[in-house]
C-alpha atoms as a PDB file:
ATOM      1  CA  MET A   1     154.334 152.501 -42.769  1.00  0.00           C
ATOM      2  CA  THR A   2     153.286 155.696 -41.038  1.00  0.00           C
ATOM      3  CA  VAL A   3     150.084 156.808 -39.388  1.00  0.00           C
ATOM      4  CA  PRO A   4     148.556 160.004 -40.808  1.00  0.00           C
ATOM      5  CA  ALA A   5     149.375 163.079 -38.727  1.00  0.00           C
ATOM      6  CA  ARG A   6     145.708 163.851 -38.255  1.00  0.00           C
ATOM      7  CA  THR A   7     145.083 160.378 -36.826  1.00  0.00           C
ATOM      8  CA  ARG A   8     148.074 160.641 -34.505  1.00  0.00           C
ATOM      9  CA  SER A   9     147.152 164.071 -33.215  1.00  0.00           C
ATOM     10  CA  SER A  10     143.488 163.205 -32.698  1.00  0.00           C
ATOM     11  CA  TRP A  11     144.457 160.032 -30.862  1.00  0.00           C
ATOM     12  CA  VAL A  12     147.022 161.735 -28.618  1.00  0.00           C
ATOM     13  CA  SER A  13     144.517 164.380 -27.513  1.00  0.00           C
ATOM     14  CA  SER A  14     141.641 161.937 -27.085  1.00  0.00           C
ATOM     15  CA  PRO A  15     140.182 160.705 -23.776  1.00  0.00           C
ATOM     16  CA  PRO A  16     141.422 157.121 -24.438  1.00  0.00           C
ATOM     17  CA  ALA A  17     144.991 158.387 -24.720  1.00  0.00           C
ATOM     18  CA  ILE A  18     144.590 160.299 -21.465  1.00  0.00           C
ATOM     19  CA  VAL A  19     143.197 157.163 -19.823  1.00  0.00           C
ATOM     20  CA  ALA A  20     146.154 155.136 -21.137  1.00  0.00           C
ATOM     21  CA  VAL A  21     148.665 157.613 -19.734  1.00  0.00           C
ATOM     22  CA  GLY A  22     146.852 157.661 -16.401  1.00  0.00           C
ATOM     23  CA  TRP A  23     146.743 153.883 -16.434  1.00  0.00           C
ATOM     24  CA  PHE A  24     150.504 153.704 -17.029  1.00  0.00           C
ATOM     25  CA  CYS A  25     151.197 156.179 -14.232  1.00  0.00           C
ATOM     26  CA  ALA A  26     148.972 154.214 -11.857  1.00  0.00           C
ATOM     27  CA  ALA A  27     150.725 150.949 -12.753  1.00  0.00           C
ATOM     28  CA  LEU A  28     154.115 152.568 -12.303  1.00  0.00           C
ATOM     29  CA  ALA A  29     153.172 154.048  -8.924  1.00  0.00           C
ATOM     30  CA  ALA A  30     151.657 150.782  -7.713  1.00  0.00           C
ATOM     31  CA  SER A  31     154.770 148.915  -8.805  1.00  0.00           C
ATOM     32  CA  ALA A  32     157.052 151.398  -7.065  1.00  0.00           C
ATOM     33  CA  LEU A  33     155.033 151.006  -3.863  1.00  0.00           C
ATOM     34  CA  GLY A  34     155.309 147.236  -4.057  1.00  0.00           C
ATOM     35  CA  ALA A  35     151.592 146.688  -4.534  1.00  0.00           C
ATOM     36  CA  PHE A  36     152.157 143.767  -6.901  1.00  0.00           C
ATOM     37  CA  ARG A  37     154.565 141.855  -4.687  1.00  0.00           C
ATOM     38  CA  THR A  38     153.182 138.785  -2.966  1.00  0.00           C
ATOM     39  CA  GLN A  39     154.459 136.517  -0.255  1.00  0.00           C
ATOM     40  CA  PRO A  40     155.309 132.939  -1.292  1.00  0.00           C
ATOM     41  CA  GLY A  41     152.112 130.929  -1.239  1.00  0.00           C
ATOM     42  CA  ASP A  42     149.815 133.933  -1.736  1.00  0.00           C
ATOM     43  CA  PRO A  43     147.915 134.425  -5.016  1.00  0.00           C
ATOM     44  CA  PRO A  44     148.921 137.484  -7.115  1.00  0.00           C
ATOM     45  CA  VAL A  45     145.524 139.147  -6.731  1.00  0.00           C
ATOM     46  CA  ALA A  46     146.618 142.755  -7.373  1.00  0.00           C
ATOM     47  CA  LEU A  47     148.554 141.844 -10.513  1.00  0.00           C
ATOM     48  CA  ALA A  48     145.683 139.697 -11.772  1.00  0.00           C
ATOM     49  CA  LEU A  49     143.255 142.595 -11.346  1.00  0.00           C
ATOM     50  CA  ALA A  50     145.614 145.007 -13.109  1.00  0.00           C
ATOM     51  CA  ALA A  51     145.974 142.617 -16.048  1.00  0.00           C
ATOM     52  CA  GLY A  52     142.380 141.455 -16.272  1.00  0.00           C
ATOM     53  CA  VAL A  53     140.075 144.360 -15.447  1.00  0.00           C
ATOM     54  CA  PRO A  54     140.810 146.603 -18.495  1.00  0.00           C
ATOM     55  CA  PRO A  55     140.162 143.970 -21.208  1.00  0.00           C
ATOM     56  CA  LEU A  56     137.121 142.654 -19.336  1.00  0.00           C
ATOM     57  CA  THR A  57     135.805 146.212 -19.155  1.00  0.00           C
ATOM     58  CA  VAL A  58     136.178 146.565 -22.918  1.00  0.00           C
ATOM     59  CA  LEU A  59     134.307 143.298 -23.460  1.00  0.00           C
ATOM     60  CA  VAL A  60     131.441 144.409 -21.232  1.00  0.00           C
ATOM     61  CA  LEU A  61     131.235 147.791 -22.937  1.00  0.00           C
ATOM     62  CA  ALA A  62     131.332 146.163 -26.362  1.00  0.00           C
ATOM     63  CA  MET A  63     128.377 143.958 -25.457  1.00  0.00           C
ATOM     64  CA  ARG A  64     126.286 146.554 -23.642  1.00  0.00           C
ATOM     65  CA  SER A  65     127.068 149.966 -25.109  1.00  0.00           C
ATOM     66  CA  SER A  66     126.195 150.881 -28.682  1.00  0.00           C
ATOM     67  CA  ARG A  67     127.951 154.201 -28.175  1.00  0.00           C
ATOM     68  CA  PHE A  68     131.174 152.420 -27.244  1.00  0.00           C
ATOM     69  CA  ARG A  69     130.890 150.139 -30.272  1.00  0.00           C
ATOM     70  CA  ALA A  70     130.345 153.146 -32.514  1.00  0.00           C
ATOM     71  CA  TRP A  71     133.443 154.819 -31.078  1.00  0.00           C
ATOM     72  CA  ALA A  72     135.550 151.658 -31.501  1.00  0.00           C
ATOM     73  CA  ARG A  73     134.404 151.342 -35.122  1.00  0.00           C
ATOM     74  CA  SER A  74     135.627 154.856 -35.822  1.00  0.00           C
ATOM     75  CA  LEU A  75     139.215 153.979 -34.920  1.00  0.00           C
ATOM     76  CA  ASP A  76     141.973 153.530 -37.465  1.00  0.00           C
ATOM     77  CA  LEU A  77     142.605 149.797 -37.841  1.00  0.00           C
ATOM     78  CA  ARG A  78     146.141 150.252 -39.135  1.00  0.00           C
ATOM     79  CA  PHE A  79     147.024 152.381 -36.123  1.00  0.00           C
ATOM     80  CA  LEU A  80     145.634 149.761 -33.735  1.00  0.00           C
ATOM     81  CA  THR A  81     147.660 147.125 -35.566  1.00  0.00           C
ATOM     82  CA  LEU A  82     150.877 149.141 -35.415  1.00  0.00           C
ATOM     83  CA  LEU A  83     150.474 149.444 -31.638  1.00  0.00           C
ATOM     84  CA  GLN A  84     151.422 145.769 -31.464  1.00  0.00           C
ATOM     85  CA  THR A  85     154.912 146.574 -32.758  1.00  0.00           C
ATOM     86  CA  TRP A  86     156.097 147.348 -29.224  1.00  0.00           C
ATOM     87  CA  ARG A  87     155.929 143.630 -28.483  1.00  0.00           C
ATOM     88  CA  VAL A  88     159.385 143.142 -29.976  1.00  0.00           C
ATOM     89  CA  ALA A  89     160.397 144.103 -26.433  1.00  0.00           C
ATOM     90  CA  GLY A  90     159.664 140.456 -25.700  1.00  0.00           C
ATOM     91  CA  LEU A  91     163.361 139.971 -26.440  1.00  0.00           C
ATOM     92  CA  ALA A  92     163.852 140.962 -22.804  1.00  0.00           C
ATOM     93  CA  PHE A  93     162.204 137.703 -21.747  1.00  0.00           C
ATOM     94  CA  LEU A  94     164.690 135.739 -23.809  1.00  0.00           C
ATOM     95  CA  ALA A  95     167.604 137.643 -22.285  1.00  0.00           C
ATOM     96  CA  LEU A  96     166.316 137.090 -18.748  1.00  0.00           C
ATOM     97  CA  ALA A  97     165.845 133.393 -19.403  1.00  0.00           C
ATOM     98  CA  ALA A  98     169.415 133.190 -20.701  1.00  0.00           C
ATOM     99  CA  VAL A  99     170.782 134.451 -17.365  1.00  0.00           C
ATOM    100  CA  ASP A 100     168.392 132.296 -15.309  1.00  0.00           C
ATOM    101  CA  ALA A 101     166.403 135.275 -14.040  1.00  0.00           C
ATOM    102  CA  LEU A 102     163.126 133.805 -15.354  1.00  0.00           C
ATOM    103  CA  PRO A 103     162.128 130.178 -15.952  1.00  0.00           C
ATOM    104  CA  ALA A 104     162.649 129.210 -19.577  1.00  0.00           C
ATOM    105  CA  GLY A 105     159.302 127.405 -19.676  1.00  0.00           C
ATOM    106  CA  PHE A 106     157.627 130.766 -19.187  1.00  0.00           C
ATOM    107  CA  ALA A 107     160.041 133.220 -20.798  1.00  0.00           C
ATOM    108  CA  LEU A 108     160.705 131.432 -24.099  1.00  0.00           C
ATOM    109  CA  PRO A 109     157.080 130.952 -25.245  1.00  0.00           C
ATOM    110  CA  ALA A 110     156.071 134.415 -23.989  1.00  0.00           C
ATOM    111  CA  GLY A 111     159.089 136.137 -25.512  1.00  0.00           C
ATOM    112  CA  LEU A 112     159.077 134.368 -28.866  1.00  0.00           C
ATOM    113  CA  GLY A 113     155.336 134.887 -29.284  1.00  0.00           C
ATOM    114  CA  ASP A 114     155.603 138.592 -28.538  1.00  0.00           C
ATOM    115  CA  VAL A 115     158.544 139.055 -30.896  1.00  0.00           C
ATOM    116  CA  ALA A 116     156.697 137.249 -33.688  1.00  0.00           C
ATOM    117  CA  ILE A 117     153.614 139.438 -33.320  1.00  0.00           C
ATOM    118  CA  GLY A 118     155.694 142.608 -32.944  1.00  0.00           C
ATOM    119  CA  LEU A 119     157.766 141.944 -36.052  1.00  0.00           C
ATOM    120  CA  THR A 120     154.783 141.066 -38.213  1.00  0.00           C
ATOM    121  CA  ALA A 121     152.573 143.952 -37.051  1.00  0.00           C
ATOM    122  CA  PRO A 122     153.940 146.473 -39.610  1.00  0.00           C
ATOM    123  CA  LEU A 123     153.535 143.902 -42.390  1.00  0.00           C
ATOM    124  CA  VAL A 124     149.966 143.166 -41.352  1.00  0.00           C
ATOM    125  CA  ALA A 125     149.193 146.891 -41.195  1.00  0.00           C
ATOM    126  CA  ALA A 126     150.660 147.462 -44.652  1.00  0.00           C
ATOM    127  CA  PHE A 127     149.511 144.410 -46.591  1.00  0.00           C
ATOM    128  CA  VAL A 128     146.637 142.712 -44.747  1.00  0.00           C
ATOM    129  CA  VAL A 129     144.405 145.468 -43.333  1.00  0.00           C
ATOM    130  CA  ASP A 130     141.638 146.287 -45.851  1.00  0.00           C
ATOM    131  CA  ARG A 131     142.680 143.342 -48.015  1.00  0.00           C
ATOM    132  CA  ALA A 132     142.288 140.047 -46.150  1.00  0.00           C
ATOM    133  CA  ASN A 133     139.978 140.151 -43.154  1.00  0.00           C
ATOM    134  CA  ARG A 134     140.284 136.454 -42.386  1.00  0.00           C
ATOM    135  CA  VAL A 135     144.063 136.678 -42.281  1.00  0.00           C
ATOM    136  CA  PHE A 136     143.813 139.686 -39.989  1.00  0.00           C
ATOM    137  CA  VAL A 137     141.438 137.871 -37.641  1.00  0.00           C
ATOM    138  CA  ALA A 138     143.769 134.846 -37.579  1.00  0.00           C
ATOM    139  CA  TRP A 139     146.773 137.056 -36.788  1.00  0.00           C
ATOM    140  CA  THR A 140     144.809 138.842 -34.069  1.00  0.00           C
ATOM    141  CA  ALA A 141     143.709 135.514 -32.598  1.00  0.00           C
ATOM    142  CA  LEU A 142     147.353 134.422 -32.452  1.00  0.00           C
ATOM    143  CA  GLY A 143     148.253 137.693 -30.724  1.00  0.00           C
ATOM    144  CA  ILE A 144     145.533 137.191 -28.125  1.00  0.00           C
ATOM    145  CA  ALA A 145     146.470 133.531 -27.639  1.00  0.00           C
ATOM    146  CA  ASP A 146     150.082 134.525 -27.024  1.00  0.00           C
ATOM    147  CA  LEU A 147     149.024 136.946 -24.290  1.00  0.00           C
ATOM    148  CA  VAL A 148     146.724 134.410 -22.650  1.00  0.00           C
ATOM    149  CA  LEU A 149     149.457 131.757 -22.806  1.00  0.00           C
ATOM    150  CA  ALA A 150     152.032 134.121 -21.300  1.00  0.00           C
ATOM    151  CA  VAL A 151     149.752 135.035 -18.393  1.00  0.00           C
ATOM    152  CA  THR A 152     148.836 131.389 -17.809  1.00  0.00           C
ATOM    153  CA  LEU A 153     152.456 130.265 -17.808  1.00  0.00           C
ATOM    154  CA  GLY A 154     153.368 133.194 -15.564  1.00  0.00           C
ATOM    155  CA  VAL A 155     150.899 131.912 -12.978  1.00  0.00           C
ATOM    156  CA  LEU A 156     151.892 128.266 -13.379  1.00  0.00           C
ATOM    157  CA  TYR A 157     155.556 129.141 -12.793  1.00  0.00           C
ATOM    158  CA  SER A 158     154.808 131.506  -9.887  1.00  0.00           C
ATOM    159  CA  ALA A 159     155.287 130.926  -6.165  1.00  0.00           C
ATOM    160  CA  SER A 160     151.515 131.058  -5.684  1.00  0.00           C
ATOM    161  CA  PRO A 161     149.282 128.052  -4.915  1.00  0.00           C
ATOM    162  CA  ALA A 162     148.684 127.785  -8.684  1.00  0.00           C
ATOM    163  CA  GLY A 163     152.413 127.482  -9.404  1.00  0.00           C
ATOM    164  CA  LEU A 164     152.213 123.862 -10.497  1.00  0.00           C
ATOM    165  CA  LEU A 165     155.220 124.102 -12.834  1.00  0.00           C
ATOM    166  CA  ARG A 166     157.520 126.027 -10.490  1.00  0.00           C
ATOM    167  CA  THR A 167     160.851 124.467  -9.615  1.00  0.00           C
ATOM    168  CA  ASP A 168     163.745 126.365  -8.051  1.00  0.00           C
ATOM    169  CA  LEU A 169     163.078 129.409 -10.234  1.00  0.00           C
ATOM    170  CA  ASP A 170     159.770 131.254 -10.342  1.00  0.00           C
ATOM    171  CA  THR A 171     158.276 134.328 -12.018  1.00  0.00           C
ATOM    172  CA  GLY A 172     158.578 136.551  -8.953  1.00  0.00           C
ATOM    173  CA  LEU A 173     160.636 138.994 -11.021  1.00  0.00           C
ATOM    174  CA  MET A 174     157.437 139.908 -12.890  1.00  0.00           C
ATOM    175  CA  SER A 175     156.010 141.506  -9.737  1.00  0.00           C
ATOM    176  CA  THR A 176     158.803 144.083  -9.363  1.00  0.00           C
ATOM    177  CA  LEU A 177     159.920 147.022 -11.477  1.00  0.00           C
ATOM    178  CA  PRO A 178     160.522 147.276 -14.343  1.00  0.00           C
ATOM    179  CA  MET A 179     159.072 143.884 -15.333  1.00  0.00           C
ATOM    180  CA  SER A 180     155.863 144.415 -13.349  1.00  0.00           C
ATOM    181  CA  LEU A 181     154.831 146.998 -15.950  1.00  0.00           C
ATOM    182  CA  VAL A 182     154.451 144.187 -18.471  1.00  0.00           C
ATOM    183  CA  PRO A 183     151.542 142.365 -16.765  1.00  0.00           C
ATOM    184  CA  ALA A 184     150.185 145.510 -15.111  1.00  0.00           C
ATOM    185  CA  PHE A 185     150.185 147.702 -18.236  1.00  0.00           C
ATOM    186  CA  GLY A 186     151.705 146.127 -21.341  1.00  0.00           C
ATOM    187  CA  VAL A 187     149.601 142.953 -21.449  1.00  0.00           C
ATOM    188  CA  PRO A 188     146.194 144.551 -20.787  1.00  0.00           C
ATOM    189  CA  ILE A 189     146.684 147.534 -23.098  1.00  0.00           C
ATOM    190  CA  THR A 190     147.898 145.216 -25.854  1.00  0.00           C
ATOM    191  CA  LEU A 191     144.907 142.947 -25.338  1.00  0.00           C
ATOM    192  CA  VAL A 192     142.599 145.975 -25.370  1.00  0.00           C
ATOM    193  CA  ALA A 193     144.093 147.032 -28.712  1.00  0.00           C
ATOM    194  CA  HIS A 194     143.409 143.558 -30.124  1.00  0.00           C
ATOM    195  CA  LEU A 195     139.817 143.638 -28.886  1.00  0.00           C
ATOM    196  CA  LEU A 196     139.244 147.118 -30.309  1.00  0.00           C
ATOM    197  CA  SER A 197     140.605 145.893 -33.639  1.00  0.00           C
ATOM    198  CA  LEU A 198     138.060 143.074 -33.735  1.00  0.00           C
ATOM    199  CA  ILE A 199     135.238 145.458 -32.824  1.00  0.00           C
ATOM    200  CA  ARG A 200     136.446 147.837 -35.542  1.00  0.00           C
ATOM    201  CA  LEU A 201     136.508 145.047 -38.086  1.00  0.00           C
ATOM    202  CA  SER A 202     133.025 143.863 -37.115  1.00  0.00           C
ATOM    203  CA  GLY A 203     131.637 147.246 -38.117  1.00  0.00           C
ATOM    204  CA  ARG A 204     132.479 146.833 -41.776  1.00  0.00           C
END
């Protein structure tokens, strides 16, 4: 399954692509400077803002801006779906859990959910888009639920006051490079892609 060259080129040169690159660079720089590290007992405020602000911004724009909705409805739904393929990188969570670098209660659900969505994304793009809207919405809902679950478990297994499930191993690794790029960039941009897909579908 390939994306038409015209779609790829128009996307790469578009303002959203420039914003995404800038967003990645900002997340990388902040991670390198240790902005997402927290002391034991402190809430991960910076990481929460990095993960939450972009999708919340999309939701606000979707509700308040007809121009934004019109733009979102012009996007290629297959391309947005194929963006989820990168989530097969969730295998890293499974590997880190295997060597006791991350708590299994967090890493296994987060990793397996991401891998499942990443592996099925090309199939959904090829056989579901434009054919079965309800199936697509269900798949998208599962993708969003996986992200929400991963973030929730990440907090519950953290060394913050909300770390109710933490034992001798916490999710502190997720606040340092390279893993900090997952909550600071990967999770929000993936969630944004899901939200844009739903907006796109609502315009039909």
